[in-house]
N, C-alpha and C. Protein backbone atom coordinates (compact mmCIF):
# COMPACT_ATOMS: atom_id res chain seq x y z
N MET A 1 32.13 -74.55 16.64
CA MET A 1 30.74 -74.36 16.61
C MET A 1 30.61 -73.34 17.38
N LYS A 2 31.22 -73.22 18.52
CA LYS A 2 31.05 -71.75 19.29
C LYS A 2 31.44 -70.49 18.76
N THR A 3 32.37 -70.49 17.90
CA THR A 3 32.57 -69.07 17.26
C THR A 3 31.71 -68.73 16.50
N SER A 4 31.29 -70.12 15.85
CA SER A 4 29.96 -69.24 14.77
C SER A 4 28.66 -68.95 15.30
N LYS A 5 28.22 -69.58 16.66
CA LYS A 5 27.57 -69.18 17.29
C LYS A 5 27.30 -67.61 17.59
N ASN A 6 28.40 -67.11 18.00
CA ASN A 6 29.25 -65.94 18.53
C ASN A 6 28.96 -65.04 17.27
N LYS A 7 29.29 -65.48 16.35
CA LYS A 7 29.15 -64.48 15.19
C LYS A 7 28.08 -64.53 14.52
N THR A 8 27.10 -65.42 14.73
CA THR A 8 25.55 -65.66 14.46
C THR A 8 24.91 -64.31 15.07
N LEU A 9 25.33 -64.01 16.82
CA LEU A 9 24.58 -63.47 17.72
C LEU A 9 24.99 -61.86 17.46
N ASN A 10 26.78 -61.74 16.92
CA ASN A 10 27.14 -60.54 16.91
C ASN A 10 26.31 -60.03 15.51
N ARG A 11 26.01 -60.66 14.74
CA ARG A 11 25.46 -60.47 13.60
C ARG A 11 23.92 -59.55 13.39
N ARG A 12 23.57 -60.39 14.65
CA ARG A 12 21.76 -59.88 15.15
C ARG A 12 21.98 -59.23 15.97
N ILE A 13 22.87 -58.81 16.63
CA ILE A 13 22.97 -57.56 17.50
C ILE A 13 23.42 -56.31 16.46
N LEU A 14 24.52 -56.58 15.96
CA LEU A 14 24.71 -55.16 15.09
C LEU A 14 23.39 -55.16 14.21
N SER A 15 22.41 -56.08 13.76
CA SER A 15 21.16 -55.79 12.46
C SER A 15 20.52 -54.86 13.48
N SER A 16 20.27 -55.49 14.69
CA SER A 16 19.37 -54.64 15.71
C SER A 16 19.61 -53.58 16.21
N SER A 17 20.82 -53.22 16.60
CA SER A 17 21.51 -51.92 16.55
C SER A 17 21.14 -50.94 15.86
N THR A 18 21.55 -51.57 14.34
CA THR A 18 21.40 -50.35 13.00
C THR A 18 19.83 -50.22 12.89
N SER A 19 18.82 -51.02 13.03
CA SER A 19 17.32 -50.33 13.08
C SER A 19 17.25 -49.73 14.06
N VAL A 20 17.48 -49.86 14.89
CA VAL A 20 17.48 -49.13 16.05
C VAL A 20 18.01 -47.45 15.90
N VAL A 21 19.17 -47.41 15.72
CA VAL A 21 19.70 -46.53 15.38
C VAL A 21 19.26 -45.63 14.44
N ILE A 22 18.95 -46.19 13.56
CA ILE A 22 17.84 -45.54 12.28
C ILE A 22 16.90 -45.40 12.71
N SER A 23 15.91 -46.33 13.31
CA SER A 23 14.46 -45.67 13.82
C SER A 23 14.32 -44.37 14.60
N LEU A 24 15.49 -44.49 15.50
CA LEU A 24 15.95 -43.19 16.29
C LEU A 24 16.17 -42.30 15.86
N SER A 25 17.12 -42.28 14.89
CA SER A 25 17.44 -40.99 14.10
C SER A 25 15.99 -40.53 13.38
N LEU A 26 15.18 -41.28 12.61
CA LEU A 26 14.20 -40.50 12.27
C LEU A 26 13.07 -39.99 13.21
N VAL A 27 13.07 -40.78 14.26
CA VAL A 27 12.48 -40.27 15.40
C VAL A 27 12.37 -38.77 15.90
N LEU A 28 13.72 -38.80 16.23
CA LEU A 28 14.50 -37.03 16.33
C LEU A 28 13.99 -36.69 15.23
N PHE A 29 14.65 -36.74 14.04
CA PHE A 29 13.84 -35.98 13.22
C PHE A 29 12.85 -35.27 13.26
N VAL A 30 11.76 -36.35 13.16
CA VAL A 30 10.28 -35.81 13.33
C VAL A 30 10.25 -35.08 14.77
N VAL A 31 10.51 -35.41 16.06
CA VAL A 31 10.38 -34.49 17.01
C VAL A 31 10.57 -33.05 16.81
N GLY A 32 12.02 -33.09 16.36
CA GLY A 32 12.61 -31.94 15.81
C GLY A 32 11.67 -31.05 14.77
N LEU A 33 11.35 -31.36 14.01
CA LEU A 33 10.59 -30.92 13.21
C LEU A 33 9.11 -30.30 13.55
N LEU A 34 8.79 -31.30 14.44
CA LEU A 34 7.40 -31.17 14.82
C LEU A 34 7.63 -29.63 16.25
N GLY A 35 8.80 -29.93 16.81
CA GLY A 35 9.14 -28.49 17.67
C GLY A 35 8.81 -27.60 17.04
N LEU A 36 9.36 -27.26 15.94
CA LEU A 36 9.75 -26.08 14.78
C LEU A 36 8.25 -25.67 14.48
N VAL A 37 7.70 -26.76 14.35
CA VAL A 37 5.91 -26.26 13.95
C VAL A 37 5.38 -25.99 15.09
N LEU A 38 5.64 -26.52 16.67
CA LEU A 38 5.17 -25.62 17.41
C LEU A 38 5.53 -24.18 17.93
N ILE A 39 6.74 -24.33 17.87
CA ILE A 39 7.46 -22.91 18.06
C ILE A 39 6.45 -21.75 16.86
N ASN A 40 6.43 -22.29 15.41
CA ASN A 40 5.94 -21.21 14.50
C ASN A 40 4.62 -21.44 14.52
N ALA A 41 3.86 -22.21 15.43
CA ALA A 41 2.47 -22.33 15.11
C ALA A 41 1.61 -21.02 15.85
N GLN A 42 2.26 -20.49 16.97
CA GLN A 42 1.90 -18.82 17.41
C GLN A 42 2.12 -17.86 16.61
N LYS A 43 3.29 -17.55 15.46
CA LYS A 43 3.45 -16.77 14.59
C LYS A 43 2.48 -17.21 13.36
N LEU A 44 2.12 -18.31 12.95
CA LEU A 44 1.18 -18.44 12.13
C LEU A 44 -0.20 -17.88 12.60
N SER A 45 -0.43 -18.38 14.04
CA SER A 45 -1.98 -17.62 14.54
C SER A 45 -1.96 -16.64 14.53
N ASP A 46 -0.97 -16.02 15.08
CA ASP A 46 -0.89 -14.16 14.91
C ASP A 46 -0.65 -13.80 13.71
N TYR A 47 -0.28 -14.31 12.64
CA TYR A 47 -0.51 -13.67 11.18
C TYR A 47 -1.94 -13.84 10.50
N VAL A 48 -2.28 -15.26 10.60
CA VAL A 48 -3.54 -15.18 10.41
C VAL A 48 -4.80 -13.94 11.17
N LYS A 49 -4.48 -13.97 12.46
CA LYS A 49 -5.60 -13.07 13.53
C LYS A 49 -5.32 -11.91 12.53
N GLU A 50 -4.15 -11.27 12.75
CA GLU A 50 -4.13 -9.90 12.06
C GLU A 50 -4.32 -10.09 10.45
N ASN A 51 -4.98 -10.68 9.63
CA ASN A 51 -5.68 -10.44 8.54
C ASN A 51 -7.24 -10.67 8.74
N ILE A 52 -7.47 -10.85 9.87
CA ILE A 52 -9.13 -10.55 9.97
C ILE A 52 -9.40 -9.51 10.90
N GLY A 53 -9.92 -8.77 10.58
CA GLY A 53 -10.39 -7.48 11.57
C GLY A 53 -12.14 -7.22 11.36
N PHE A 54 -12.32 -5.83 11.25
CA PHE A 54 -13.77 -5.83 11.62
C PHE A 54 -13.96 -4.48 10.51
N THR A 55 -15.50 -4.33 10.18
CA THR A 55 -15.55 -3.05 9.18
C THR A 55 -16.67 -1.99 10.27
N ILE A 56 -16.31 -1.08 10.42
CA ILE A 56 -16.62 0.41 10.56
C ILE A 56 -17.44 1.06 9.49
N MET A 57 -19.08 1.01 9.44
CA MET A 57 -19.66 1.62 8.55
C MET A 57 -20.27 3.04 9.17
N LEU A 58 -19.50 4.21 8.32
CA LEU A 58 -19.99 5.40 9.21
C LEU A 58 -21.47 5.87 8.34
N LYS A 59 -21.61 6.82 9.22
CA LYS A 59 -23.10 7.26 8.88
C LYS A 59 -23.00 8.31 8.09
N ASP A 60 -24.37 8.15 7.01
CA ASP A 60 -24.18 8.85 5.87
C ASP A 60 -24.30 10.50 6.39
N GLY A 61 -23.48 11.34 5.65
CA GLY A 61 -23.19 12.81 5.57
C GLY A 61 -21.87 13.20 6.96
N VAL A 62 -21.35 11.97 6.92
CA VAL A 62 -20.08 12.27 7.97
C VAL A 62 -18.76 12.85 6.71
N ASN A 63 -18.47 14.19 7.28
CA ASN A 63 -17.65 14.85 6.40
C ASN A 63 -16.25 14.37 6.51
N GLU A 64 -15.19 14.71 5.75
CA GLU A 64 -13.81 13.90 5.45
C GLU A 64 -12.95 14.46 6.52
N ILE A 65 -13.42 15.58 7.30
CA ILE A 65 -12.38 15.94 8.15
C ILE A 65 -12.85 15.02 9.61
N GLU A 66 -14.01 14.92 9.47
CA GLU A 66 -14.16 14.26 10.64
C GLU A 66 -14.00 12.63 10.80
N THR A 67 -14.32 12.34 9.41
CA THR A 67 -13.77 10.84 9.28
C THR A 67 -11.94 10.81 8.93
N LEU A 68 -11.16 11.69 8.90
CA LEU A 68 -10.04 11.37 9.08
C LEU A 68 -9.55 11.68 10.09
N LYS A 69 -10.15 12.28 11.43
CA LYS A 69 -9.76 12.58 12.97
C LYS A 69 -10.24 10.98 13.43
N PHE A 70 -11.46 10.54 12.94
CA PHE A 70 -11.66 9.20 13.49
C PHE A 70 -10.88 8.13 13.01
N GLN A 71 -10.44 8.34 11.71
CA GLN A 71 -9.33 7.29 11.49
C GLN A 71 -8.03 7.54 12.32
N LYS A 72 -7.60 8.56 12.38
CA LYS A 72 -6.20 8.86 13.09
C LYS A 72 -6.71 8.18 14.62
N ILE A 73 -7.60 8.54 15.35
CA ILE A 73 -7.91 7.96 16.57
C ILE A 73 -7.85 6.61 16.67
N LEU A 74 -8.40 5.69 15.42
CA LEU A 74 -8.21 4.10 15.12
C LEU A 74 -7.00 3.85 15.27
N ASP A 75 -5.89 4.63 14.45
CA ASP A 75 -4.63 4.16 13.94
C ASP A 75 -3.75 4.29 15.43
N ALA A 76 -4.13 5.42 16.28
CA ALA A 76 -3.41 5.19 17.48
C ALA A 76 -3.76 4.50 18.84
N SER A 77 -4.97 3.65 18.35
CA SER A 77 -5.61 2.61 19.34
C SER A 77 -4.56 1.65 19.63
N ASP A 78 -4.63 1.03 20.99
CA ASP A 78 -3.62 -0.45 21.12
C ASP A 78 -4.23 -1.39 20.04
N PHE A 79 -5.32 -1.39 19.62
CA PHE A 79 -6.00 -2.58 18.98
C PHE A 79 -5.77 -2.70 17.58
N ALA A 80 -5.66 -1.81 17.03
CA ALA A 80 -5.55 -1.71 15.61
C ALA A 80 -4.05 -1.84 14.56
N LYS A 81 -3.83 -2.49 13.82
CA LYS A 81 -2.82 -2.87 13.44
C LYS A 81 -2.69 -1.76 12.03
N SER A 82 -3.91 -1.82 11.64
CA SER A 82 -3.92 -1.00 10.24
C SER A 82 -5.16 -0.56 10.03
N THR A 83 -5.60 0.56 9.34
CA THR A 83 -6.92 1.17 8.79
C THR A 83 -6.54 1.22 7.47
N SER A 84 -8.01 1.03 6.91
CA SER A 84 -8.37 1.82 5.66
C SER A 84 -9.53 1.97 5.07
N PHE A 85 -9.61 3.48 4.52
CA PHE A 85 -10.66 3.97 4.53
C PHE A 85 -11.46 3.81 3.42
N THR A 86 -12.74 3.41 2.93
CA THR A 86 -13.34 3.32 1.74
C THR A 86 -14.67 4.31 1.68
N THR A 87 -14.79 5.19 0.66
CA THR A 87 -15.54 6.40 0.36
C THR A 87 -17.12 5.90 -0.14
N LYS A 88 -18.16 6.33 -0.08
CA LYS A 88 -18.95 5.61 -0.61
C LYS A 88 -19.46 5.56 -2.15
N GLU A 89 -18.50 6.74 -2.83
CA GLU A 89 -18.51 6.54 -4.13
C GLU A 89 -17.44 5.24 -4.68
N GLN A 90 -16.56 4.96 -3.76
CA GLN A 90 -15.70 3.91 -3.98
C GLN A 90 -16.61 2.18 -3.84
N ALA A 91 -16.69 2.55 -3.16
CA ALA A 91 -18.04 1.41 -2.52
C ALA A 91 -19.12 0.87 -3.54
N THR A 92 -19.68 2.04 -3.70
CA THR A 92 -20.57 2.06 -5.26
C THR A 92 -19.85 1.70 -6.41
N ALA A 93 -18.48 2.01 -6.56
CA ALA A 93 -17.89 1.43 -8.23
C ALA A 93 -17.59 -0.06 -7.84
N ASP A 94 -17.21 0.03 -6.71
CA ASP A 94 -16.51 -1.85 -6.41
C ASP A 94 -17.78 -2.71 -6.62
N LEU A 95 -18.67 -2.00 -6.01
CA LEU A 95 -20.35 -3.26 -5.91
C LEU A 95 -20.70 -3.21 -7.29
N LYS A 96 -20.72 -2.28 -8.30
CA LYS A 96 -20.95 -2.29 -9.83
C LYS A 96 -20.08 -3.13 -10.39
N THR A 97 -18.77 -3.18 -10.20
CA THR A 97 -18.22 -4.22 -10.86
C THR A 97 -18.36 -5.63 -10.45
N ASP A 98 -18.70 -5.81 -9.16
CA ASP A 98 -18.83 -7.33 -8.79
C ASP A 98 -20.33 -7.44 -9.34
N LEU A 99 -21.41 -6.87 -9.39
CA LEU A 99 -22.42 -7.01 -9.72
C LEU A 99 -22.58 -6.96 -11.49
N GLY A 100 -21.54 -6.43 -12.31
CA GLY A 100 -21.65 -6.30 -13.42
C GLY A 100 -22.87 -5.62 -14.11
N GLU A 101 -23.50 -4.40 -13.26
CA GLU A 101 -24.39 -3.82 -13.84
C GLU A 101 -24.51 -2.50 -12.86
N ASP A 102 -25.64 -1.66 -13.17
CA ASP A 102 -25.59 -0.45 -12.69
C ASP A 102 -26.63 -0.61 -11.90
N PHE A 103 -26.47 -0.97 -10.14
CA PHE A 103 -27.98 -1.11 -9.45
C PHE A 103 -28.07 0.50 -9.05
N VAL A 104 -27.32 1.44 -9.00
CA VAL A 104 -27.86 2.52 -9.02
C VAL A 104 -28.97 3.67 -9.69
N GLU A 105 -28.57 2.80 -11.01
CA GLU A 105 -29.74 3.29 -12.07
C GLU A 105 -31.05 2.79 -11.74
N PHE A 106 -31.19 1.24 -10.80
CA PHE A 106 -32.14 0.40 -11.10
C PHE A 106 -32.73 1.19 -9.80
N LEU A 107 -32.04 1.34 -8.65
CA LEU A 107 -32.56 1.92 -7.49
C LEU A 107 -33.05 3.53 -7.22
N GLY A 108 -31.97 4.13 -7.96
CA GLY A 108 -32.46 5.57 -8.33
C GLY A 108 -31.13 6.20 -6.80
N TYR A 109 -30.61 5.40 -5.92
CA TYR A 109 -29.83 5.91 -5.17
C TYR A 109 -28.58 4.55 -4.53
N SER A 110 -27.68 5.06 -4.29
CA SER A 110 -26.84 3.89 -3.76
C SER A 110 -26.85 3.79 -1.72
N PRO A 111 -27.12 3.01 -1.68
CA PRO A 111 -27.87 2.68 -0.11
C PRO A 111 -26.33 2.49 0.51
N LEU A 112 -24.90 2.04 -0.14
CA LEU A 112 -24.08 2.03 0.44
C LEU A 112 -23.60 2.93 1.00
N LEU A 113 -22.42 2.70 2.34
CA LEU A 113 -21.98 4.01 3.22
C LEU A 113 -20.56 3.70 2.91
N ALA A 114 -19.78 5.02 3.34
CA ALA A 114 -18.55 5.14 3.68
C ALA A 114 -18.19 3.93 4.56
N SER A 115 -17.00 3.32 4.88
CA SER A 115 -16.51 2.63 5.57
C SER A 115 -14.82 2.48 6.29
N ILE A 116 -14.67 2.11 7.34
CA ILE A 116 -13.05 1.94 7.44
C ILE A 116 -12.53 0.73 8.06
N ASP A 117 -11.98 -0.09 7.33
CA ASP A 117 -11.45 -1.31 7.51
C ASP A 117 -10.67 -1.51 8.84
N VAL A 118 -10.61 -2.31 9.48
CA VAL A 118 -9.39 -2.19 10.54
C VAL A 118 -8.99 -3.56 11.04
N LYS A 119 -7.65 -3.73 10.51
CA LYS A 119 -6.79 -4.90 10.84
C LYS A 119 -6.25 -4.81 12.22
N LEU A 120 -6.35 -6.23 12.91
CA LEU A 120 -6.14 -5.98 14.38
C LEU A 120 -4.76 -6.69 14.64
N ASN A 121 -4.46 -6.13 15.78
CA ASN A 121 -3.22 -6.80 16.25
C ASN A 121 -3.54 -7.98 17.16
N ALA A 122 -2.47 -9.07 16.84
CA ALA A 122 -3.06 -10.65 17.18
C ALA A 122 -3.52 -10.72 18.39
N GLU A 123 -3.15 -10.06 19.77
CA GLU A 123 -3.63 -10.54 21.00
C GLU A 123 -5.46 -9.89 20.97
N TYR A 124 -5.74 -9.10 19.64
CA TYR A 124 -6.97 -8.92 20.41
C TYR A 124 -7.80 -9.46 19.25
N GLY A 125 -7.46 -10.43 18.54
CA GLY A 125 -7.76 -11.22 17.55
C GLY A 125 -8.94 -12.55 18.22
N ASN A 126 -9.72 -11.96 19.19
CA ASN A 126 -10.55 -13.06 19.68
C ASN A 126 -11.84 -12.20 20.16
N THR A 127 -13.10 -12.93 20.10
CA THR A 127 -14.50 -12.73 20.22
C THR A 127 -14.67 -11.58 21.55
N ASP A 128 -13.92 -12.27 22.89
CA ASP A 128 -13.95 -11.40 23.73
C ASP A 128 -13.91 -9.96 23.89
N SER A 129 -12.49 -9.37 23.15
CA SER A 129 -12.02 -8.64 22.86
C SER A 129 -12.69 -7.52 21.70
N LEU A 130 -12.97 -8.01 20.86
CA LEU A 130 -13.74 -7.30 19.65
C LEU A 130 -14.98 -7.46 20.13
N GLN A 131 -15.68 -7.91 20.84
CA GLN A 131 -16.95 -7.64 21.45
C GLN A 131 -16.93 -6.57 22.12
N ILE A 132 -15.87 -5.81 22.98
CA ILE A 132 -15.59 -4.89 24.10
C ILE A 132 -15.28 -4.02 23.02
N ILE A 133 -14.34 -3.53 21.90
CA ILE A 133 -14.15 -2.73 20.93
C ILE A 133 -15.00 -2.30 20.31
N THR A 134 -15.79 -3.25 19.91
CA THR A 134 -17.22 -2.98 18.77
C THR A 134 -18.15 -1.95 19.84
N ASN A 135 -18.30 -2.61 21.02
CA ASN A 135 -19.20 -1.69 22.26
C ASN A 135 -18.86 -0.26 21.91
N GLU A 136 -17.72 -0.15 22.35
CA GLU A 136 -17.28 1.19 22.40
C GLU A 136 -17.33 2.10 21.28
N LEU A 137 -16.70 1.22 20.11
CA LEU A 137 -17.15 2.16 18.92
C LEU A 137 -18.24 2.27 18.62
N SER A 138 -19.12 1.58 18.69
CA SER A 138 -20.59 1.52 18.66
C SER A 138 -21.29 3.26 18.93
N GLU A 139 -20.80 3.38 20.07
CA GLU A 139 -21.27 4.93 20.75
C GLU A 139 -20.78 5.85 20.25
N ASN A 140 -20.21 5.81 19.44
CA ASN A 140 -19.60 6.91 18.73
C ASN A 140 -20.68 7.48 17.53
N ALA A 141 -20.75 8.71 17.58
CA ALA A 141 -21.45 9.84 16.96
C ALA A 141 -21.80 9.48 15.57
N ASN A 142 -20.41 9.15 15.01
CA ASN A 142 -19.98 8.69 13.41
C ASN A 142 -20.39 7.60 13.09
N VAL A 143 -20.50 6.63 13.83
CA VAL A 143 -20.41 4.97 13.32
C VAL A 143 -22.17 4.51 13.52
N PHE A 144 -22.52 4.05 12.25
CA PHE A 144 -23.73 3.41 11.92
C PHE A 144 -23.79 2.12 12.75
N GLU A 145 -22.64 1.17 12.23
CA GLU A 145 -22.62 0.18 12.47
C GLU A 145 -21.30 -0.40 12.26
N VAL A 146 -20.74 -1.50 13.30
CA VAL A 146 -19.53 -2.04 13.11
C VAL A 146 -19.95 -3.69 12.88
N TYR A 147 -19.18 -4.45 12.13
CA TYR A 147 -19.18 -5.86 11.48
C TYR A 147 -18.42 -6.11 11.91
N TYR A 148 -18.36 -7.42 12.02
CA TYR A 148 -16.98 -8.73 12.57
C TYR A 148 -17.61 -9.55 12.25
N GLN A 149 -16.82 -10.98 11.63
CA GLN A 149 -17.26 -12.45 11.48
C GLN A 149 -16.87 -13.36 12.85
N LYS A 150 -18.13 -12.73 13.73
CA LYS A 150 -18.00 -13.65 14.84
C LYS A 150 -17.68 -15.47 14.70
N ASP A 151 -18.61 -15.96 13.90
CA ASP A 151 -18.13 -17.32 13.89
C ASP A 151 -16.49 -17.91 13.44
N LEU A 152 -16.23 -16.87 12.19
CA LEU A 152 -14.98 -17.72 11.38
C LEU A 152 -13.98 -17.45 12.59
N ILE A 153 -13.92 -16.02 13.62
CA ILE A 153 -12.72 -15.80 14.29
C ILE A 153 -13.09 -16.81 15.54
N ASP A 154 -13.91 -17.28 15.89
CA ASP A 154 -14.12 -18.12 16.81
C ASP A 154 -13.74 -19.77 16.28
N LYS A 155 -13.75 -20.06 15.12
CA LYS A 155 -13.77 -21.41 14.53
C LYS A 155 -11.97 -21.03 14.39
N LEU A 156 -11.66 -20.35 14.08
CA LEU A 156 -9.91 -20.00 13.89
C LEU A 156 -9.54 -20.21 15.32
N ASN A 157 -9.45 -19.38 16.28
CA ASN A 157 -9.14 -19.87 17.49
C ASN A 157 -9.19 -21.03 17.90
N SER A 158 -10.25 -21.92 17.63
CA SER A 158 -10.69 -22.87 18.04
C SER A 158 -9.82 -23.81 17.24
N ASN A 159 -9.91 -24.08 15.90
CA ASN A 159 -9.00 -24.45 15.25
C ASN A 159 -7.33 -24.63 15.20
N VAL A 160 -6.83 -23.52 15.85
CA VAL A 160 -5.35 -23.12 16.30
C VAL A 160 -5.33 -23.99 17.70
N ASN A 161 -6.17 -23.62 18.37
CA ASN A 161 -5.80 -24.35 19.89
C ASN A 161 -5.56 -26.01 19.86
N ARG A 162 -6.84 -26.63 18.77
CA ARG A 162 -6.93 -27.98 18.59
C ARG A 162 -5.75 -28.24 18.14
N LEU A 163 -5.40 -27.84 17.02
CA LEU A 163 -3.95 -28.42 16.38
C LEU A 163 -2.71 -28.03 17.12
N SER A 164 -2.67 -27.14 18.20
CA SER A 164 -1.37 -27.03 18.94
C SER A 164 -1.55 -28.29 19.94
N PHE A 165 -2.84 -28.28 20.38
CA PHE A 165 -2.73 -29.73 21.20
C PHE A 165 -2.48 -30.80 20.91
N PHE A 166 -2.87 -31.33 19.78
CA PHE A 166 -2.59 -32.50 19.19
C PHE A 166 -1.04 -32.67 18.61
N LEU A 167 -0.50 -31.53 18.59
CA LEU A 167 0.99 -31.39 18.29
C LEU A 167 1.56 -31.63 19.24
N LEU A 168 1.58 -30.95 20.25
CA LEU A 168 1.87 -31.41 21.54
C LEU A 168 1.92 -32.62 22.10
N ILE A 169 0.67 -33.67 21.80
CA ILE A 169 0.66 -34.69 22.08
C ILE A 169 1.61 -35.56 21.57
N PHE A 170 1.74 -35.55 20.37
CA PHE A 170 2.23 -36.26 19.28
C PHE A 170 3.77 -36.41 19.89
N CYS A 171 3.99 -35.07 19.99
CA CYS A 171 5.60 -34.87 20.10
C CYS A 171 6.07 -35.52 21.43
N VAL A 172 5.23 -35.62 22.52
CA VAL A 172 5.57 -36.24 23.86
C VAL A 172 5.31 -37.65 23.16
N LEU A 173 4.54 -38.20 22.37
CA LEU A 173 4.20 -39.43 22.46
C LEU A 173 6.05 -40.03 22.00
N LEU A 174 6.28 -39.16 20.52
CA LEU A 174 7.56 -39.66 20.05
C LEU A 174 8.95 -39.40 21.22
N PHE A 175 8.72 -38.56 22.08
CA PHE A 175 10.00 -38.41 22.97
C PHE A 175 10.01 -39.77 23.66
N PHE A 176 8.50 -40.37 24.27
CA PHE A 176 8.62 -41.25 25.04
C PHE A 176 9.11 -42.76 23.97
N ILE A 177 8.69 -42.76 22.60
CA ILE A 177 9.25 -43.54 21.63
C ILE A 177 10.70 -43.52 21.45
N ALA A 178 11.63 -42.42 21.44
CA ALA A 178 13.04 -42.01 21.28
C ALA A 178 13.54 -42.61 22.60
N PHE A 179 12.82 -42.56 23.65
CA PHE A 179 13.54 -42.71 24.92
C PHE A 179 13.58 -44.31 25.26
N ALA A 180 12.66 -44.97 24.63
CA ALA A 180 12.28 -46.64 25.01
C ALA A 180 13.76 -46.91 23.57
N LEU A 181 13.61 -46.52 22.51
CA LEU A 181 14.57 -46.76 21.34
C LEU A 181 16.12 -46.72 22.05
N ILE A 182 16.22 -45.59 22.86
CA ILE A 182 17.46 -45.58 23.30
C ILE A 182 17.78 -46.36 24.22
N ASN A 183 16.73 -46.47 25.16
CA ASN A 183 17.02 -47.68 26.16
C ASN A 183 17.22 -48.67 25.56
N ASN A 184 16.64 -49.25 24.80
CA ASN A 184 16.90 -50.60 23.98
C ASN A 184 18.40 -50.62 23.34
N THR A 185 18.49 -49.64 22.73
CA THR A 185 19.95 -49.67 22.32
C THR A 185 21.09 -49.91 23.38
N ILE A 186 21.00 -49.22 24.59
CA ILE A 186 21.68 -49.19 25.54
C ILE A 186 21.59 -50.63 26.16
N ARG A 187 20.80 -51.28 26.12
CA ARG A 187 20.67 -52.66 26.56
C ARG A 187 21.01 -53.99 25.69
N LEU A 188 21.09 -53.64 24.59
CA LEU A 188 21.58 -54.11 23.22
C LEU A 188 23.09 -54.16 23.51
N SER A 189 23.51 -53.32 23.79
CA SER A 189 25.19 -53.07 23.83
C SER A 189 25.60 -53.60 25.13
N VAL A 190 24.90 -53.35 26.14
CA VAL A 190 25.62 -54.07 27.20
C VAL A 190 25.10 -55.37 27.11
N TYR A 191 24.18 -56.13 26.54
CA TYR A 191 24.07 -57.61 26.31
C TYR A 191 25.26 -58.29 25.12
N SER A 192 25.53 -57.25 24.36
CA SER A 192 26.61 -57.94 23.69
C SER A 192 28.08 -57.88 24.41
N LYS A 193 28.23 -57.20 25.25
CA LYS A 193 29.69 -57.39 25.98
C LYS A 193 29.24 -57.95 27.46
N ARG A 194 28.22 -58.57 27.72
CA ARG A 194 27.95 -59.30 29.02
C ARG A 194 29.07 -60.45 29.75
N PHE A 195 29.85 -60.95 28.38
CA PHE A 195 30.50 -61.73 29.44
C PHE A 195 31.91 -61.22 29.25
N LEU A 196 32.18 -59.97 28.62
CA LEU A 196 33.41 -59.15 29.14
C LEU A 196 33.48 -58.42 30.09
N ILE A 197 32.09 -57.75 30.26
CA ILE A 197 31.60 -57.06 31.64
C ILE A 197 31.73 -58.06 33.24
N ARG A 198 31.33 -59.46 32.92
CA ARG A 198 31.34 -60.66 34.48
C ARG A 198 33.22 -60.47 34.30
N THR A 199 33.89 -60.48 33.23
CA THR A 199 35.18 -61.03 33.54
C THR A 199 35.94 -59.59 34.40
N MET A 200 35.38 -58.66 33.94
CA MET A 200 35.81 -57.26 34.61
C MET A 200 35.37 -57.09 35.78
N ARG A 201 34.41 -57.60 36.48
CA ARG A 201 33.71 -57.51 37.78
C ARG A 201 34.70 -58.63 38.35
N LEU A 202 34.95 -59.71 37.75
CA LEU A 202 35.88 -60.74 38.63
C LEU A 202 37.29 -60.19 38.73
N VAL A 203 37.88 -59.39 38.05
CA VAL A 203 38.96 -58.84 38.39
C VAL A 203 38.94 -57.61 39.07
N GLY A 204 37.92 -57.32 39.34
CA GLY A 204 37.76 -56.21 40.73
C GLY A 204 37.44 -54.64 39.98
N ALA A 205 37.12 -54.61 38.68
CA ALA A 205 36.79 -53.58 37.83
C ALA A 205 35.50 -52.78 38.37
N THR A 206 35.94 -51.21 38.55
CA THR A 206 34.93 -50.49 39.18
C THR A 206 33.59 -50.27 38.59
N ASN A 207 32.66 -49.45 38.69
CA ASN A 207 31.24 -49.39 37.75
C ASN A 207 31.92 -48.18 36.77
N SER A 208 32.62 -47.57 37.55
CA SER A 208 32.81 -46.11 36.20
C SER A 208 33.53 -46.85 35.48
N PHE A 209 34.75 -47.43 35.92
CA PHE A 209 35.53 -48.07 34.77
C PHE A 209 34.80 -48.98 33.78
N ILE A 210 33.75 -49.34 33.91
CA ILE A 210 33.30 -50.25 33.17
C ILE A 210 32.43 -49.58 32.36
N GLN A 211 31.67 -48.48 32.91
CA GLN A 211 30.86 -47.67 31.97
C GLN A 211 31.41 -46.80 31.20
N LYS A 212 32.37 -46.20 31.30
CA LYS A 212 33.19 -45.60 30.75
C LYS A 212 33.13 -45.70 29.29
N PRO A 213 33.62 -47.09 28.56
CA PRO A 213 33.94 -47.19 27.24
C PRO A 213 32.03 -46.91 26.71
N PHE A 214 31.58 -47.37 27.22
CA PHE A 214 29.77 -47.20 26.62
C PHE A 214 29.46 -46.07 26.49
N LEU A 215 29.93 -44.81 27.40
CA LEU A 215 29.48 -43.86 27.66
C LEU A 215 30.62 -43.17 26.41
N SER A 216 31.60 -43.31 25.96
CA SER A 216 32.36 -42.95 25.35
C SER A 216 31.73 -43.02 23.77
N LYS A 217 31.43 -44.48 23.97
CA LYS A 217 30.71 -44.88 22.31
C LYS A 217 29.63 -44.30 22.08
N GLY A 218 28.90 -44.42 23.21
CA GLY A 218 27.47 -43.32 23.04
C GLY A 218 27.55 -42.01 22.60
N ILE A 219 28.94 -41.10 22.83
CA ILE A 219 28.48 -39.78 22.68
C ILE A 219 29.50 -39.82 21.51
N TYR A 220 30.45 -40.39 20.87
CA TYR A 220 31.09 -40.29 19.37
C TYR A 220 30.44 -41.20 18.77
């Protein structure tokens, strides 16, 4: 009768331990996965920011030499990752293609201007930095207007920060769950050996001697 009870108890402990080990493995896997996501979140944020920039509209009549000189200055600046120049003629041709009709013939002239598109380095991909940059560039004699999508950049930064925060909170929560599962596993293991531990204490075994097999089992 006693043997049957012990077998039933051992089966319950084994079943509980197995479920805990599986749950723990899944939690640790998800924690590791989220850790990788957090590590790469900044890289993703930088990649997105570097694909958002601003457009410098040049004044009508700026010659090619002045334009190339200005573009070289932009390329050498700290904030610019890359620049691309679009002539007035190219901008006109592109808009004709998009509209599917010749608006120049209707208006009698092309209202479009030559422009330089600037892609930013990631550290400058925020509205504060862009405001300073655009204010400085607007003072250039060749610049008609500097345009960037302020709302889009604000929304992007806000969403990235919010996502990183929630991922961090979720990781911390999973770490606490993993810790609780590990603690539960240890308690189950000790409980299943409680009579053996009591016997070892009665014969004078030290705590380190009693703990050694549990530590070895946990490691291997």
